[in-house]
């Protein structure tokens, strides 16, 4: 990595500071920061310092038996570039797990990929759980269905990844029906959190309750 690139990364980190303080959920103890905020503040600062990046797909898998609609698991190489000619083709490799949500699935996954990359590269302070920036271990992936896990069974799901999926997508539900459907489709994931990470389940439940209240207020004309 050339000195200009290193300097640009450090400068961007200093300029970005912290994001999303107004989005703190006091009950769930997490901060939700939208991808738009990352693009507006982080990506813009990076571009002003001459930095850019591009993702190249390494692998892509559709896991149709996970949940009601399935998920995708995609791995990308992130190439980092600087305007003065520095080019690092495999600067970082990231794996993203994303629920299948129709035509917008891949686009939404790519946006989430950008968010994870920016958070890691520029050490963005958000107050979110570190699981939001973790790569997925293939050995930790299981189907998220409606079966109750056997008592005392070893966890078959990465609880941090399960929590991250809830925290990322619960706030994006646009209707109460969509929220309830997402919640009911992931019974097994919540059961695993209940057995193996009760604190994570509390945070997930708080996020669900918060979003439900927001949607109810919106339907009643009290929201934004």
C-alpha atoms as a PDB file:
ATOM      1  CA  UNK A   1       0.000   0.000   0.000  1.00  0.00           C
ATOM      2  CA  UNK A   2       1.401   3.379  -1.018  1.00  0.00           C
ATOM      3  CA  UNK A   3       1.824   6.236   1.489  1.00  0.00           C
ATOM      4  CA  UNK A   4      -0.878   8.342  -0.208  1.00  0.00           C
ATOM      5  CA  UNK A   5      -3.407   5.537   0.262  1.00  0.00           C
ATOM      6  CA  UNK A   6      -2.518   5.060   3.916  1.00  0.00           C
ATOM      7  CA  UNK A   7      -2.788   8.802   4.529  1.00  0.00           C
ATOM      8  CA  UNK A   8      -6.182   8.905   2.782  1.00  0.00           C
ATOM      9  CA  UNK A   9      -7.533   6.095   4.963  1.00  0.00           C
ATOM     10  CA  UNK A  10      -6.323   7.737   8.172  1.00  0.00           C
ATOM     11  CA  UNK A  11      -7.672  11.138   7.119  1.00  0.00           C
ATOM     12  CA  UNK A  12     -11.062   9.646   6.252  1.00  0.00           C
ATOM     13  CA  UNK A  13     -11.232   7.942   9.642  1.00  0.00           C
ATOM     14  CA  UNK A  14     -10.550  11.259  11.356  1.00  0.00           C
ATOM     15  CA  UNK A  15     -13.149  13.113   9.283  1.00  0.00           C
ATOM     16  CA  UNK A  16     -15.960  10.577   9.626  1.00  0.00           C
ATOM     17  CA  UNK A  17     -15.994  10.374  13.404  1.00  0.00           C
ATOM     18  CA  UNK A  18     -19.138   8.765  14.830  1.00  0.00           C
ATOM     19  CA  UNK A  19     -22.417   8.042  13.045  1.00  0.00           C
ATOM     20  CA  UNK A  20     -25.984   7.621  14.116  1.00  0.00           C
ATOM     21  CA  UNK A  21     -26.076   8.856  17.699  1.00  0.00           C
ATOM     22  CA  UNK A  22     -29.695   9.934  17.282  1.00  0.00           C
ATOM     23  CA  UNK A  23     -30.658   6.360  16.342  1.00  0.00           C
ATOM     24  CA  UNK A  24     -29.833   4.837  19.729  1.00  0.00           C
ATOM     25  CA  UNK A  25     -32.355   2.315  21.033  1.00  0.00           C
ATOM     26  CA  UNK A  26     -32.024   2.545  24.846  1.00  0.00           C
ATOM     27  CA  UNK A  27     -33.822  -0.779  25.308  1.00  0.00           C
ATOM     28  CA  UNK A  28     -31.958  -2.772  22.662  1.00  0.00           C
ATOM     29  CA  UNK A  29     -28.620  -1.049  23.337  1.00  0.00           C
ATOM     30  CA  UNK A  30     -27.733  -0.702  19.663  1.00  0.00           C
ATOM     31  CA  UNK A  31     -27.585   2.042  17.064  1.00  0.00           C
ATOM     32  CA  UNK A  32     -29.106   1.536  13.652  1.00  0.00           C
ATOM     33  CA  UNK A  33     -27.296   3.438  10.910  1.00  0.00           C
ATOM     34  CA  UNK A  34     -28.785   3.297   7.420  1.00  0.00           C
ATOM     35  CA  UNK A  35     -26.720   2.589   4.322  1.00  0.00           C
ATOM     36  CA  UNK A  36     -27.697   6.038   3.029  1.00  0.00           C
ATOM     37  CA  UNK A  37     -25.889   7.587   5.990  1.00  0.00           C
ATOM     38  CA  UNK A  38     -22.793   5.556   5.182  1.00  0.00           C
ATOM     39  CA  UNK A  39     -22.883   6.698   1.558  1.00  0.00           C
ATOM     40  CA  UNK A  40     -23.556  10.338   2.427  1.00  0.00           C
ATOM     41  CA  UNK A  41     -20.925  10.658   5.141  1.00  0.00           C
ATOM     42  CA  UNK A  42     -18.373   7.875   4.852  1.00  0.00           C
ATOM     43  CA  UNK A  43     -18.197   7.236   1.109  1.00  0.00           C
ATOM     44  CA  UNK A  44     -18.289  10.970   0.391  1.00  0.00           C
ATOM     45  CA  UNK A  45     -15.379  11.621   2.759  1.00  0.00           C
ATOM     46  CA  UNK A  46     -13.428   8.739   1.224  1.00  0.00           C
ATOM     47  CA  UNK A  47     -13.970  10.067  -2.308  1.00  0.00           C
ATOM     48  CA  UNK A  48     -12.789  13.535  -1.292  1.00  0.00           C
ATOM     49  CA  UNK A  49      -9.586  11.889  -0.080  1.00  0.00           C
ATOM     50  CA  UNK A  50      -9.132  10.052  -3.376  1.00  0.00           C
ATOM     51  CA  UNK A  51     -10.320   6.617  -2.271  1.00  0.00           C
ATOM     52  CA  UNK A  52     -12.666   4.266  -4.083  1.00  0.00           C
ATOM     53  CA  UNK A  53     -13.401   0.539  -4.104  1.00  0.00           C
ATOM     54  CA  UNK A  54     -15.139  -2.098  -6.172  1.00  0.00           C
ATOM     55  CA  UNK A  55     -16.482  -5.568  -5.317  1.00  0.00           C
ATOM     56  CA  UNK A  56     -15.830  -8.703  -7.367  1.00  0.00           C
ATOM     57  CA  UNK A  57     -17.978 -11.764  -6.714  1.00  0.00           C
ATOM     58  CA  UNK A  58     -15.984 -14.821  -5.648  1.00  0.00           C
ATOM     59  CA  UNK A  59     -18.850 -17.176  -4.881  1.00  0.00           C
ATOM     60  CA  UNK A  60     -22.642 -17.039  -4.699  1.00  0.00           C
ATOM     61  CA  UNK A  61     -24.974 -19.574  -3.122  1.00  0.00           C
ATOM     62  CA  UNK A  62     -28.759 -19.669  -2.824  1.00  0.00           C
ATOM     63  CA  UNK A  63     -29.866 -21.486   0.330  1.00  0.00           C
ATOM     64  CA  UNK A  64     -33.564 -21.955  -0.379  1.00  0.00           C
ATOM     65  CA  UNK A  65     -34.192 -24.157   2.674  1.00  0.00           C
ATOM     66  CA  UNK A  66     -33.247 -21.421   5.160  1.00  0.00           C
ATOM     67  CA  UNK A  67     -36.398 -19.758   6.470  1.00  0.00           C
ATOM     68  CA  UNK A  68     -39.560 -19.402   4.447  1.00  0.00           C
ATOM     69  CA  UNK A  69     -38.008 -17.488   1.561  1.00  0.00           C
ATOM     70  CA  UNK A  70     -34.388 -18.643   1.808  1.00  0.00           C
ATOM     71  CA  UNK A  71     -31.157 -16.677   1.982  1.00  0.00           C
ATOM     72  CA  UNK A  72     -28.197 -15.937  -0.235  1.00  0.00           C
ATOM     73  CA  UNK A  73     -24.581 -16.351   0.833  1.00  0.00           C
ATOM     74  CA  UNK A  74     -22.113 -14.411  -1.292  1.00  0.00           C
ATOM     75  CA  UNK A  75     -18.384 -13.839  -0.967  1.00  0.00           C
ATOM     76  CA  UNK A  76     -16.673 -10.817  -2.520  1.00  0.00           C
ATOM     77  CA  UNK A  77     -13.129  -9.571  -3.002  1.00  0.00           C
ATOM     78  CA  UNK A  78     -12.903  -5.845  -2.342  1.00  0.00           C
ATOM     79  CA  UNK A  79     -10.423  -3.914  -4.488  1.00  0.00           C
ATOM     80  CA  UNK A  80      -9.189  -0.639  -3.009  1.00  0.00           C
ATOM     81  CA  UNK A  81      -8.040   2.219  -5.263  1.00  0.00           C
ATOM     82  CA  UNK A  82      -6.493   5.655  -4.839  1.00  0.00           C
ATOM     83  CA  UNK A  83      -6.667   8.467  -7.367  1.00  0.00           C
ATOM     84  CA  UNK A  84      -2.860   8.636  -7.585  1.00  0.00           C
ATOM     85  CA  UNK A  85      -2.638   5.165  -9.043  1.00  0.00           C
ATOM     86  CA  UNK A  86      -2.538   2.755  -6.107  1.00  0.00           C
ATOM     87  CA  UNK A  87      -4.602  -0.372  -6.825  1.00  0.00           C
ATOM     88  CA  UNK A  88      -4.973  -3.306  -4.410  1.00  0.00           C
ATOM     89  CA  UNK A  89      -7.126  -5.968  -6.128  1.00  0.00           C
ATOM     90  CA  UNK A  90      -7.707  -8.186  -3.066  1.00  0.00           C
ATOM     91  CA  UNK A  91      -7.599  -5.707  -0.233  1.00  0.00           C
ATOM     92  CA  UNK A  92     -10.329  -7.522   1.712  1.00  0.00           C
ATOM     93  CA  UNK A  93     -12.595 -10.559   1.331  1.00  0.00           C
ATOM     94  CA  UNK A  94     -16.097 -10.414   2.849  1.00  0.00           C
ATOM     95  CA  UNK A  95     -18.950 -12.897   3.053  1.00  0.00           C
ATOM     96  CA  UNK A  96     -22.527 -11.625   3.256  1.00  0.00           C
ATOM     97  CA  UNK A  97     -25.650 -13.522   4.315  1.00  0.00           C
ATOM     98  CA  UNK A  98     -28.903 -11.901   3.244  1.00  0.00           C
ATOM     99  CA  UNK A  99     -32.577 -12.989   3.282  1.00  0.00           C
ATOM    100  CA  UNK A 100     -34.145 -13.433  -0.144  1.00  0.00           C
ATOM    101  CA  UNK A 101     -36.473 -10.451  -0.633  1.00  0.00           C
ATOM    102  CA  UNK A 102     -37.454 -10.606  -4.273  1.00  0.00           C
ATOM    103  CA  UNK A 103     -35.902  -8.507  -7.024  1.00  0.00           C
ATOM    104  CA  UNK A 104     -34.065  -6.214  -4.582  1.00  0.00           C
ATOM    105  CA  UNK A 105     -32.184  -9.048  -2.836  1.00  0.00           C
ATOM    106  CA  UNK A 106     -28.838  -8.720  -4.616  1.00  0.00           C
ATOM    107  CA  UNK A 107     -28.890  -4.921  -4.588  1.00  0.00           C
ATOM    108  CA  UNK A 108     -29.680  -4.862  -0.888  1.00  0.00           C
ATOM    109  CA  UNK A 109     -26.921  -7.396  -0.188  1.00  0.00           C
ATOM    110  CA  UNK A 110     -24.422  -5.285  -2.125  1.00  0.00           C
ATOM    111  CA  UNK A 111     -25.419  -2.206  -0.144  1.00  0.00           C
ATOM    112  CA  UNK A 112     -24.905  -4.152   3.071  1.00  0.00           C
ATOM    113  CA  UNK A 113     -21.517  -5.288   1.729  1.00  0.00           C
ATOM    114  CA  UNK A 114     -20.512  -1.650   1.211  1.00  0.00           C
ATOM    115  CA  UNK A 115     -21.642  -0.835   4.741  1.00  0.00           C
ATOM    116  CA  UNK A 116     -19.581  -3.634   6.293  1.00  0.00           C
ATOM    117  CA  UNK A 117     -16.514  -2.708   4.226  1.00  0.00           C
ATOM    118  CA  UNK A 118     -16.709   0.974   5.142  1.00  0.00           C
ATOM    119  CA  UNK A 119     -17.218   0.205   8.793  1.00  0.00           C
ATOM    120  CA  UNK A 120     -14.155  -2.046   8.871  1.00  0.00           C
ATOM    121  CA  UNK A 121     -11.834   0.078   6.757  1.00  0.00           C
ATOM    122  CA  UNK A 122     -12.583   3.394   8.402  1.00  0.00           C
ATOM    123  CA  UNK A 123     -13.316   2.114  11.940  1.00  0.00           C
ATOM    124  CA  UNK A 124     -16.714   3.815  11.885  1.00  0.00           C
ATOM    125  CA  UNK A 125     -18.109   4.279  15.385  1.00  0.00           C
ATOM    126  CA  UNK A 126     -21.845   3.537  15.460  1.00  0.00           C
ATOM    127  CA  UNK A 127     -22.528   1.729  18.717  1.00  0.00           C
ATOM    128  CA  UNK A 128     -23.715  -1.304  16.744  1.00  0.00           C
ATOM    129  CA  UNK A 129     -22.730  -4.823  17.721  1.00  0.00           C
ATOM    130  CA  UNK A 130     -19.442  -6.054  16.251  1.00  0.00           C
ATOM    131  CA  UNK A 131     -21.415  -8.906  14.671  1.00  0.00           C
ATOM    132  CA  UNK A 132     -22.504  -6.410  12.039  1.00  0.00           C
ATOM    133  CA  UNK A 133     -18.961  -6.455  10.681  1.00  0.00           C
ATOM    134  CA  UNK A 134     -18.119 -10.147  11.142  1.00  0.00           C
ATOM    135  CA  UNK A 135     -17.471 -12.430   8.202  1.00  0.00           C
ATOM    136  CA  UNK A 136     -19.599 -15.549   8.149  1.00  0.00           C
ATOM    137  CA  UNK A 137     -18.062 -18.898   8.950  1.00  0.00           C
ATOM    138  CA  UNK A 138     -19.676 -21.468   6.593  1.00  0.00           C
ATOM    139  CA  UNK A 139     -19.626 -24.013   9.413  1.00  0.00           C
ATOM    140  CA  UNK A 140     -21.992 -21.809  11.404  1.00  0.00           C
ATOM    141  CA  UNK A 141     -24.756 -21.687   8.793  1.00  0.00           C
ATOM    142  CA  UNK A 142     -27.999 -23.642   9.277  1.00  0.00           C
ATOM    143  CA  UNK A 143     -31.560 -23.400   8.071  1.00  0.00           C
ATOM    144  CA  UNK A 144     -33.693 -20.870   9.934  1.00  0.00           C
ATOM    145  CA  UNK A 145     -37.033 -22.624   9.951  1.00  0.00           C
ATOM    146  CA  UNK A 146     -39.859 -23.137  12.433  1.00  0.00           C
ATOM    147  CA  UNK A 147     -38.603 -26.204  14.328  1.00  0.00           C
ATOM    148  CA  UNK A 148     -37.717 -25.890  18.009  1.00  0.00           C
ATOM    149  CA  UNK A 149     -34.110 -26.899  18.709  1.00  0.00           C
ATOM    150  CA  UNK A 150     -33.569 -29.985  20.856  1.00  0.00           C
ATOM    151  CA  UNK A 151     -32.967 -29.298  24.509  1.00  0.00           C
ATOM    152  CA  UNK A 152     -29.292 -29.101  25.464  1.00  0.00           C
ATOM    153  CA  UNK A 153     -28.260 -29.424  21.822  1.00  0.00           C
ATOM    154  CA  UNK A 154     -25.155 -27.547  20.766  1.00  0.00           C
ATOM    155  CA  UNK A 155     -25.968 -24.326  18.922  1.00  0.00           C
ATOM    156  CA  UNK A 156     -26.203 -24.929  15.171  1.00  0.00           C
ATOM    157  CA  UNK A 157     -26.308 -21.251  14.302  1.00  0.00           C
ATOM    158  CA  UNK A 158     -23.880 -18.422  14.721  1.00  0.00           C
ATOM    159  CA  UNK A 159     -25.831 -16.402  17.303  1.00  0.00           C
ATOM    160  CA  UNK A 160     -23.996 -13.187  16.461  1.00  0.00           C
ATOM    161  CA  UNK A 161     -24.902 -13.563  12.793  1.00  0.00           C
ATOM    162  CA  UNK A 162     -28.517 -14.374  13.693  1.00  0.00           C
ATOM    163  CA  UNK A 163     -28.744 -11.232  15.834  1.00  0.00           C
ATOM    164  CA  UNK A 164     -27.133  -9.149  13.089  1.00  0.00           C
ATOM    165  CA  UNK A 165     -29.750 -10.299  10.553  1.00  0.00           C
ATOM    166  CA  UNK A 166     -32.588  -9.310  12.896  1.00  0.00           C
ATOM    167  CA  UNK A 167     -30.994  -5.963  13.743  1.00  0.00           C
ATOM    168  CA  UNK A 168     -30.378  -5.141  10.110  1.00  0.00           C
ATOM    169  CA  UNK A 169     -33.770  -6.077   8.677  1.00  0.00           C
ATOM    170  CA  UNK A 170     -36.320  -5.473  11.444  1.00  0.00           C
ATOM    171  CA  UNK A 171     -35.867  -1.669  11.140  1.00  0.00           C
ATOM    172  CA  UNK A 172     -36.365  -1.891   7.353  1.00  0.00           C
ATOM    173  CA  UNK A 173     -39.827  -3.526   7.494  1.00  0.00           C
ATOM    174  CA  UNK A 174     -42.332  -1.132   5.934  1.00  0.00           C
ATOM    175  CA  UNK A 175     -45.574  -2.599   7.292  1.00  0.00           C
ATOM    176  CA  UNK A 176     -46.690  -4.400  10.454  1.00  0.00           C
ATOM    177  CA  UNK A 177     -47.658  -7.392   8.316  1.00  0.00           C
ATOM    178  CA  UNK A 178     -44.159  -7.597   6.863  1.00  0.00           C
ATOM    179  CA  UNK A 179     -42.675  -7.244  10.337  1.00  0.00           C
ATOM    180  CA  UNK A 180     -44.864 -10.028  11.781  1.00  0.00           C
ATOM    181  CA  UNK A 181     -44.113 -12.285   8.816  1.00  0.00           C
ATOM    182  CA  UNK A 182     -40.352 -11.835   9.186  1.00  0.00           C
ATOM    183  CA  UNK A 183     -40.667 -12.457  12.936  1.00  0.00           C
ATOM    184  CA  UNK A 184     -42.730 -15.637  12.576  1.00  0.00           C
ATOM    185  CA  UNK A 185     -40.522 -17.046   9.812  1.00  0.00           C
ATOM    186  CA  UNK A 186     -37.503 -17.032  12.105  1.00  0.00           C
ATOM    187  CA  UNK A 187     -38.795 -18.910  15.127  1.00  0.00           C
ATOM    188  CA  UNK A 188     -35.845 -21.278  15.219  1.00  0.00           C
ATOM    189  CA  UNK A 189     -33.317 -18.473  15.187  1.00  0.00           C
ATOM    190  CA  UNK A 190     -35.072 -16.838  18.139  1.00  0.00           C
ATOM    191  CA  UNK A 191     -35.219 -20.154  19.984  1.00  0.00           C
ATOM    192  CA  UNK A 192     -31.479 -20.609  19.561  1.00  0.00           C
ATOM    193  CA  UNK A 193     -30.863 -17.086  20.843  1.00  0.00           C
ATOM    194  CA  UNK A 194     -33.144 -17.796  23.789  1.00  0.00           C
ATOM    195  CA  UNK A 195     -31.165 -20.892  24.732  1.00  0.00           C
ATOM    196  CA  UNK A 196     -27.641 -19.770  23.937  1.00  0.00           C
ATOM    197  CA  UNK A 197     -27.632 -15.957  24.058  1.00  0.00           C
ATOM    198  CA  UNK A 198     -30.570 -14.528  26.077  1.00  0.00           C
ATOM    199  CA  UNK A 199     -29.120 -11.009  26.032  1.00  0.00           C
ATOM    200  CA  UNK A 200     -29.110 -11.059  22.232  1.00  0.00           C
ATOM    201  CA  UNK A 201     -32.753 -12.180  22.249  1.00  0.00           C
ATOM    202  CA  UNK A 202     -33.625  -9.227  24.498  1.00  0.00           C
ATOM    203  CA  UNK A 203     -31.993  -6.842  22.029  1.00  0.00           C
ATOM    204  CA  UNK A 204     -33.761  -8.464  19.089  1.00  0.00           C
ATOM    205  CA  UNK A 205     -37.129  -8.338  20.873  1.00  0.00           C
ATOM    206  CA  UNK A 206     -36.591  -4.680  21.776  1.00  0.00           C
ATOM    207  CA  UNK A 207     -35.830  -3.887  18.131  1.00  0.00           C
ATOM    208  CA  UNK A 208     -39.019  -5.663  17.048  1.00  0.00           C
ATOM    209  CA  UNK A 209     -41.109  -3.805  19.640  1.00  0.00           C
ATOM    210  CA  UNK A 210     -39.592  -0.459  18.678  1.00  0.00           C
ATOM    211  CA  UNK A 211     -40.300  -0.990  14.979  1.00  0.00           C
ATOM    212  CA  UNK A 212     -43.846  -2.183  15.695  1.00  0.00           C
ATOM    213  CA  UNK A 213     -44.546   1.013  17.661  1.00  0.00           C
ATOM    214  CA  UNK A 214     -43.070   3.129  14.863  1.00  0.00           C
ATOM    215  CA  UNK A 215     -45.240   1.426  12.244  1.00  0.00           C
ATOM    216  CA  UNK A 216     -48.357   1.705  14.421  1.00  0.00           C
ATOM    217  CA  UNK A 217     -47.748   5.433  14.934  1.00  0.00           C
ATOM    218  CA  UNK A 218     -47.155   5.823  11.212  1.00  0.00           C
ATOM    219  CA  UNK A 219     -50.457   4.103  10.384  1.00  0.00           C
ATOM    220  CA  UNK A 220     -52.239   6.315  12.908  1.00  0.00           C
ATOM    221  CA  UNK A 221     -50.730   9.460  11.396  1.00  0.00           C
ATOM    222  CA  UNK A 222     -48.373  10.092  14.285  1.00  0.00           C
ATOM    223  CA  UNK A 223     -45.146   9.124  12.546  1.00  0.00           C
ATOM    224  CA  UNK A 224     -42.868  10.923  10.144  1.00  0.00           C
END
